[in-house]
Each structure stands twice: as structure tokens, then as C-alpha cells.
Amino acid sequence: MAEWKQKRFWTTVSVEGEADGFSILLDGRRVKTPAKASLQVPSQRMAELIAAEWEAQEEVVNPNLMPNTRSANAAIDKVAIQHTEVADMLAGYGDSDLLCYRADSPAELVERQAAAWDPALHWAADVLGARLEPRAGVLHVPQDPEALNILSKRTHAFNNFELAAFHDLVSLSGSLVLGFAAALDWQPVDDVWSMSRIDENWQEEQWGVDEEAAETVALKKADFLHAKCFFDACSD
């Protein structure tokens, strides 16, 4: 049996400002999320990005070409009903942050990690008020509870849409600090992504590039860049 696919049924796409946000309308009817909630977003910019995705659909709707719609759906249908749990999960990255677990050899890798990751930890200490300390090796050593508490409060302060984007910034990079660095524009987002790939890039230099793995990484990078764009659109 052929898989059912939704066909385009609308002619016009528009954005409507309301008292508490912006809605996307198809032939004057509000778009709903998969859970049947109103797809209402916090900024006109985000609404316009989503509206453009719906306008771009042709005969058959392709959700893979609608990343902003998917992110907004996640914010409304998932994050909104478990904001505390999602924030707790992301804040937990701080105690095992990628940037804090360093190689003890070879010297060149040690130097690369320090050159990229030490400035990020210094930035977190200066701007976020939370200093995380690096360690050599992979054995877990707890971080300062006060620093973790500061990072947790900042994470919990994000609204549902920001937190949906922040989820991908943190989970895809493996670092709470890099998630904040991307969200708060410490460095260009491409550079932040590169910081998260130092170990993998080193391995590729030693053993060569696995084409299948490279394709997966490219998809993850695209998702990371989208998450940054979606985060920025929360307040435009």
C-alpha cells in the first residue's frame, strides 16, 4: 500500500498578529500543531519564516523542507508541557561538558583542545558567571555546584521556543558552554560548531574520512545552524 502524503490544499498563506504572538493562516484558517494546538509563535520574524515554508510547498507537503515549522511544533507540543524536565536535562551537560574533558596525549591534540576550548571556558566564567574546570582523561570529576547552579538558572530562564532551539545547540555540540556561546553570539556559529568537532577532526586526520559518517556530520551541522537561526528568530 502506498504511503499517504498530505497534499497542498491551500491557496494563500498569511501571518496575523495577535495579543500574545503571531499565527500562520492558510486561506484564513490558523495552522495547528500535530497535537492540534494553535501554531502561535512569539515573533513576526519567526511567523514569516514558517509562513514561507508553507508557501514553498507544492503539490505534496514535505515536512523535511519545513525546519522552522518542526521547531515551533516541538516548542509548543513538547517543550511547553515539560519545560522544567528539558531544562534540567540540558543543564546536566554542564557537569560533563565536552570542553572540560581533555586528552592527555598526543601533544598536538592537547594543544588544539586548549587553544579552542580554554577561551570558551574563560568566556563562560566572565560573561555567564560560571567557571567550569578542565580535566585530563574521561573519568568524571564533579564541577563546582555553584557554577552549575548558575548555568541551570540561565537554562531554565529560556522560554519554550528558545529552549527548543537551545536543546539542539547543546545536544548536537555535546556542550552546555558551546550551546550558550552559539545562542549568545560569542563567536560565529560556524566557528562554535568547529570547536565541537576538534576530536573528530583529529581522528579524521589520522585515519581518513568515512564518507557515511561525514554525511551524518553534515546533517548535524545543518541542524545546529538552523537551531541558531530559530533561537535568533524568537526575539526578532
Protein backbone atom coordinates (compact mmCIF):
# COMPACT_ATOMS: atom_id res chain seq x y z
CA MET A 1 0.00 0.00 0.00
CA ALA A 2 1.41 3.43 -0.94
CA GLU A 3 2.21 5.74 1.96
CA TRP A 4 -0.35 8.53 2.37
CA LYS A 5 1.04 12.01 1.86
CA GLN A 6 -0.65 15.29 2.62
CA LYS A 7 -1.34 17.37 -0.47
CA ARG A 8 -1.37 21.14 -0.62
CA PHE A 9 -4.96 22.26 -0.11
CA TRP A 10 -4.49 25.99 0.42
CA THR A 11 -4.07 28.92 -1.91
CA THR A 12 -2.88 31.75 0.33
CA VAL A 13 -0.56 31.90 3.34
CA SER A 14 -0.60 34.86 5.71
CA VAL A 15 0.62 35.99 9.13
CA GLU A 16 -1.69 37.50 11.72
CA GLY A 17 -0.52 39.43 14.76
CA GLU A 18 -2.42 38.79 17.99
CA ALA A 19 -2.23 39.98 21.57
CA ASP A 20 0.19 37.26 22.64
CA GLY A 21 2.01 36.33 19.44
CA PHE A 22 1.68 35.64 15.74
CA SER A 23 -0.30 32.97 13.91
CA ILE A 24 0.12 31.50 10.44
CA LEU A 25 -3.04 31.22 8.37
CA LEU A 26 -3.82 29.04 5.36
CA ASP A 27 -6.71 30.54 3.42
CA GLY A 28 -7.58 32.42 6.60
CA ARG A 29 -7.54 29.37 8.88
CA ARG A 30 -4.93 29.03 11.63
CA VAL A 31 -2.30 26.33 11.27
CA LYS A 32 -2.36 23.73 14.03
CA THR A 33 0.46 21.67 15.52
CA PRO A 34 0.38 17.86 15.33
CA ALA A 35 -1.18 17.91 18.80
CA LYS A 36 -3.90 20.25 17.49
CA ALA A 37 -2.69 23.32 19.39
CA SER A 38 -2.62 26.67 17.67
CA LEU A 39 0.72 27.26 15.94
CA GLN A 40 1.27 30.62 17.61
CA VAL A 41 4.85 31.93 17.78
CA PRO A 42 6.46 34.80 19.72
CA SER A 43 7.81 36.97 16.88
CA GLN A 44 6.78 38.22 13.47
CA ARG A 45 10.11 37.11 12.05
CA MET A 46 9.52 33.51 13.14
CA ALA A 47 5.98 33.58 11.81
CA GLU A 48 7.25 34.84 8.46
CA LEU A 49 9.87 32.08 8.28
CA ILE A 50 7.19 29.46 8.95
CA ALA A 51 4.77 31.06 6.51
CA ALA A 52 7.46 30.96 3.81
CA GLU A 53 7.87 27.22 4.37
CA TRP A 54 4.15 26.63 3.89
CA GLU A 55 4.10 28.86 0.83
CA ALA A 56 7.00 26.92 -0.68
CA GLN A 57 5.16 23.60 -0.53
CA GLU A 58 3.98 22.41 -3.91
CA GLU A 59 1.61 19.56 -4.68
CA VAL A 60 2.74 17.33 -1.80
CA VAL A 61 3.75 18.64 1.61
CA ASN A 62 7.35 17.76 2.51
CA PRO A 63 7.98 18.19 6.27
CA ASN A 64 11.71 17.77 5.67
CA LEU A 65 11.70 21.18 4.00
CA MET A 66 9.95 22.85 6.96
CA PRO A 67 12.54 23.07 9.78
CA ASN A 68 11.06 26.19 11.39
CA THR A 69 7.61 24.63 11.47
CA ARG A 70 9.05 21.50 13.08
CA SER A 71 10.93 23.51 15.70
CA ALA A 72 7.84 25.56 16.55
CA ASN A 73 5.77 22.38 16.82
CA ALA A 74 8.36 20.95 19.22
CA ALA A 75 8.29 24.11 21.34
CA ILE A 76 4.51 24.01 21.63
CA ASP A 77 3.73 20.29 21.77
CA LYS A 78 6.77 19.06 23.72
CA VAL A 79 8.80 21.72 25.49
CA ALA A 80 5.81 23.69 26.75
CA ILE A 81 4.47 20.71 28.68
CA GLN A 82 7.82 19.64 30.15
CA HIS A 83 9.89 22.81 30.27
CA THR A 84 11.43 22.00 33.64
CA GLU A 85 12.44 18.49 32.61
CA VAL A 86 14.00 19.66 29.34
CA ALA A 87 15.89 22.47 31.08
CA ASP A 88 17.15 20.09 33.78
CA MET A 89 18.37 17.65 31.15
CA LEU A 90 20.26 20.33 29.24
CA ALA A 91 21.72 21.90 32.37
CA GLY A 92 23.05 18.46 33.24
CA TYR A 93 25.51 18.73 30.36
CA GLY A 94 27.45 21.25 32.43
CA ASP A 95 28.75 18.64 34.84
CA SER A 96 30.20 16.57 31.99
CA ASP A 97 30.78 19.30 29.43
CA LEU A 98 32.74 18.33 26.32
CA LEU A 99 35.11 21.26 26.83
CA CYS A 100 36.22 20.01 30.23
CA TYR A 101 37.40 16.51 29.28
CA ARG A 102 40.77 16.76 27.60
CA ALA A 103 43.19 14.33 26.04
CA ASP A 104 46.49 13.83 27.85
CA SER A 105 48.23 12.93 24.56
CA PRO A 106 49.31 13.39 21.83
CA ALA A 107 50.67 16.87 22.44
CA GLU A 108 49.22 18.35 19.24
CA LEU A 109 45.67 17.31 20.16
CA VAL A 110 46.15 18.60 23.70
CA GLU A 111 47.25 21.94 22.28
CA ARG A 112 44.32 22.12 19.85
CA GLN A 113 41.81 21.46 22.57
CA ALA A 114 43.34 24.05 24.86
CA ALA A 115 43.56 26.68 22.12
CA ALA A 116 39.87 26.34 21.23
CA TRP A 117 38.26 25.34 24.50
CA ASP A 118 40.10 27.39 27.12
CA PRO A 119 38.81 30.70 25.68
CA ALA A 120 35.27 29.30 25.72
CA LEU A 121 35.57 28.38 29.39
CA HIS A 122 37.01 31.82 30.16
CA TRP A 123 34.09 33.41 28.31
CA ALA A 124 31.62 31.36 30.36
CA ALA A 125 33.33 32.49 33.55
CA ASP A 126 33.39 36.17 32.54
CA VAL A 127 30.00 36.51 30.81
CA LEU A 128 27.86 33.76 32.32
CA GLY A 129 29.46 33.94 35.76
CA ALA A 130 30.17 30.21 35.84
CA ARG A 131 33.67 28.76 35.75
CA LEU A 132 33.98 25.13 34.72
CA GLU A 133 37.35 23.46 35.15
CA PRO A 134 39.03 21.18 32.59
CA ARG A 135 40.41 17.71 33.45
CA ALA A 136 42.66 15.29 31.63
CA GLY A 137 41.06 11.95 30.83
CA VAL A 138 37.50 10.69 30.68
CA LEU A 139 36.77 9.89 34.33
CA HIS A 140 34.03 12.10 35.71
CA VAL A 141 35.05 14.74 38.24
CA PRO A 142 32.17 16.92 39.51
CA GLN A 143 32.16 20.62 38.74
CA ASP A 144 31.59 23.41 41.26
CA PRO A 145 27.90 23.20 42.30
CA GLU A 146 27.60 27.00 42.36
CA ALA A 147 28.76 27.26 38.74
CA LEU A 148 26.35 24.51 37.71
CA ASN A 149 23.52 26.25 39.53
CA ILE A 150 24.20 29.49 37.65
CA LEU A 151 24.13 27.69 34.31
CA SER A 152 20.98 25.84 35.30
CA LYS A 153 19.15 29.06 36.18
CA ARG A 154 20.13 30.57 32.84
CA THR A 155 18.87 27.49 31.04
CA HIS A 156 15.56 27.48 32.89
CA ALA A 157 15.10 31.18 32.03
CA PHE A 158 14.70 30.46 28.32
CA ASN A 159 11.15 30.50 27.02
CA ASN A 160 9.68 27.44 25.31
CA PHE A 161 10.82 28.43 21.83
CA GLU A 162 14.32 29.43 22.92
CA LEU A 163 14.64 26.20 24.88
CA ALA A 164 13.60 24.13 21.86
CA ALA A 165 16.44 25.71 19.87
CA PHE A 166 18.86 25.55 22.78
CA HIS A 167 18.18 21.82 23.08
CA ASP A 168 19.69 21.25 19.65
CA LEU A 169 22.58 23.67 20.20
CA VAL A 170 23.60 21.75 23.32
CA SER A 171 22.82 18.17 22.31
CA LEU A 172 24.41 18.44 18.86
CA SER A 173 27.60 20.05 20.19
CA GLY A 174 27.76 17.97 23.37
CA SER A 175 28.48 21.11 25.35
CA LEU A 176 26.36 23.38 27.51
CA VAL A 177 29.00 26.09 27.22
CA LEU A 178 29.05 25.91 23.43
CA GLY A 179 25.26 25.98 23.42
CA PHE A 180 25.37 29.29 25.28
CA ALA A 181 28.25 30.50 23.12
CA ALA A 182 26.23 29.95 19.96
CA ALA A 183 22.99 31.32 21.37
CA LEU A 184 24.61 34.46 22.79
CA ASP A 185 26.87 35.19 19.81
CA TRP A 186 30.25 34.74 21.47
CA GLN A 187 31.70 33.58 18.16
CA PRO A 188 30.23 32.98 14.67
CA VAL A 189 28.05 29.89 14.80
CA ASP A 190 30.20 28.04 12.25
CA ASP A 191 33.23 28.55 14.49
CA VAL A 192 31.33 27.29 17.53
CA TRP A 193 30.37 24.17 15.61
CA SER A 194 34.00 23.63 14.61
CA MET A 195 35.00 23.79 18.29
CA SER A 196 32.72 20.87 19.00
CA ARG A 197 34.40 18.78 16.30
CA ILE A 198 38.05 19.02 17.34
CA ASP A 199 38.34 15.40 18.49
CA GLU A 200 36.53 14.03 15.43
CA ASN A 201 38.56 16.17 13.05
CA TRP A 202 41.73 14.90 14.67
CA GLN A 203 40.64 11.32 14.16
CA GLU A 204 39.87 12.02 10.51
CA GLU A 205 43.35 13.44 10.02
CA GLN A 206 44.85 10.26 11.45
CA TRP A 207 42.62 7.65 9.82
CA GLY A 208 40.90 9.35 6.91
CA VAL A 209 37.33 10.47 6.27
CA ASP A 210 34.46 7.99 6.46
CA GLU A 211 32.03 9.20 3.81
CA GLU A 212 28.93 7.88 5.54
CA ALA A 213 29.96 9.49 8.82
CA ALA A 214 30.74 12.73 7.01
CA GLU A 215 27.22 12.82 5.60
CA THR A 216 25.79 12.38 9.09
CA VAL A 217 28.00 15.19 10.41
CA ALA A 218 26.85 17.47 7.60
CA LEU A 219 23.24 16.88 8.56
CA LYS A 220 24.02 17.58 12.21
CA LYS A 221 25.79 20.80 11.30
CA ALA A 222 22.80 21.91 9.25
CA ASP A 223 20.56 21.22 12.25
CA PHE A 224 22.94 23.16 14.50
CA LEU A 225 22.91 26.17 12.17
CA HIS A 226 19.12 26.00 11.94
CA ALA A 227 18.83 25.90 15.74
CA LYS A 228 20.84 29.11 15.96
CA CYS A 229 18.62 30.79 13.35
CA PHE A 230 15.49 29.64 15.17
CA PHE A 231 16.86 30.89 18.51
CA ASP A 232 17.54 34.31 16.99
CA ALA A 233 14.08 34.43 15.46
CA CYS A 234 12.49 34.06 18.88
CA SER A 235 13.00 37.74 19.59
CA ASP A 236 13.19 39.39 16.14
